[in-house]
């Protein structure tokens, strides 16, 4: 899972919508998901629910195909980072 620097922790908002969300699909949850530990749930602009870690929304990177791929880490001059849990 990856997060972007532009997202503000605790804001409850994702800055990655529209075309951005095509390359960086959000980590969506179903309506029955619950928050736990450092994970919370935000509501995206389109009304879908997304997991957040320590208040920052979580995403996948479209170019990461295998579980150990890390192509999105430090992408766009460090704008995107892998979440270390």
Protein backbone atom coordinates (compact mmCIF):
# COMPACT_ATOMS: atom_id res chain seq x y z
CA UNK A 1 0.00 0.00 0.00
CA UNK A 2 1.10 3.48 -0.81
CA UNK A 3 0.23 6.97 0.35
CA UNK A 4 0.82 10.40 -1.15
CA UNK A 5 2.48 13.33 0.59
CA UNK A 6 -0.25 15.73 -0.57
CA UNK A 7 -2.93 14.01 1.51
CA UNK A 8 -3.25 15.70 4.89
CA UNK A 9 -3.40 13.32 7.86
CA UNK A 10 -6.72 13.51 9.62
CA UNK A 11 -8.41 15.63 6.95
CA UNK A 12 -10.70 12.79 5.90
CA UNK A 13 -10.02 13.68 2.25
CA UNK A 14 -8.14 12.14 -0.65
CA UNK A 15 -6.30 14.42 -3.09
CA UNK A 16 -6.12 11.59 -5.66
CA UNK A 17 -9.36 11.59 -7.66
CA UNK A 18 -10.30 11.34 -11.34
CA UNK A 19 -7.29 10.51 -13.58
CA UNK A 20 -5.02 10.17 -10.54
CA UNK A 21 -7.18 7.35 -9.16
CA UNK A 22 -6.77 5.41 -12.42
CA UNK A 23 -3.01 5.05 -11.88
CA UNK A 24 -3.27 5.01 -8.08
CA UNK A 25 -6.45 3.07 -7.28
CA UNK A 26 -7.65 3.73 -3.73
CA UNK A 27 -7.77 0.91 -1.19
CA UNK A 28 -11.55 0.72 -1.02
CA UNK A 29 -13.55 -0.99 1.69
CA UNK A 30 -17.13 -2.17 1.75
CA UNK A 31 -19.91 -0.50 3.72
CA UNK A 32 -19.49 -2.94 6.63
CA UNK A 33 -15.79 -2.20 7.22
CA UNK A 34 -14.76 -0.80 10.58
CA UNK A 35 -11.80 1.22 11.81
CA UNK A 36 -9.17 -0.41 14.00
CA UNK A 37 -5.74 0.36 15.44
CA UNK A 38 -4.09 3.03 13.22
CA UNK A 39 -6.56 2.39 10.38
CA UNK A 40 -9.53 4.62 9.71
CA UNK A 41 -12.05 5.00 6.93
CA UNK A 42 -12.61 8.14 4.88
CA UNK A 43 -15.34 8.96 2.38
CA UNK A 44 -14.03 9.86 -1.07
CA UNK A 45 -15.48 12.61 -3.28
CA UNK A 46 -17.38 9.91 -5.22
CA UNK A 47 -18.94 8.60 -1.99
CA UNK A 48 -16.89 5.39 -1.83
CA UNK A 49 -15.15 4.38 1.39
CA UNK A 50 -11.34 4.18 1.53
CA UNK A 51 -8.94 2.88 4.17
CA UNK A 52 -6.47 5.36 5.68
CA UNK A 53 -3.39 4.62 7.80
CA UNK A 54 -2.52 7.11 10.53
CA UNK A 55 -5.04 9.47 8.93
CA UNK A 56 -3.65 9.33 5.38
CA UNK A 57 -5.60 7.55 2.59
CA UNK A 58 -4.08 4.36 1.12
CA UNK A 59 -3.67 3.46 -2.55
CA UNK A 60 -2.28 0.82 -4.87
CA UNK A 61 -0.02 1.57 -7.87
CA UNK A 62 -1.24 0.27 -11.22
CA UNK A 63 2.30 -0.77 -12.26
CA UNK A 64 2.79 -2.98 -9.18
CA UNK A 65 1.65 -6.42 -10.36
CA UNK A 66 3.29 -8.80 -7.87
CA UNK A 67 3.13 -8.64 -4.06
CA UNK A 68 6.81 -7.63 -3.79
CA UNK A 69 6.72 -4.93 -6.52
CA UNK A 70 7.63 -1.46 -5.28
CA UNK A 71 7.49 0.58 -8.49
CA UNK A 72 5.36 3.27 -6.85
CA UNK A 73 7.73 3.97 -3.96
CA UNK A 74 9.29 7.45 -4.29
CA UNK A 75 7.41 7.96 -7.57
CA UNK A 76 7.13 11.55 -8.83
CA UNK A 77 10.18 12.79 -6.95
CA UNK A 78 9.13 11.23 -3.67
CA UNK A 79 5.46 12.21 -3.73
CA UNK A 80 4.38 8.58 -3.16
CA UNK A 81 5.70 6.28 -0.45
CA UNK A 82 5.18 2.70 0.60
CA UNK A 83 3.56 2.43 4.01
CA UNK A 84 5.76 0.65 6.51
CA UNK A 85 3.64 -1.00 9.15
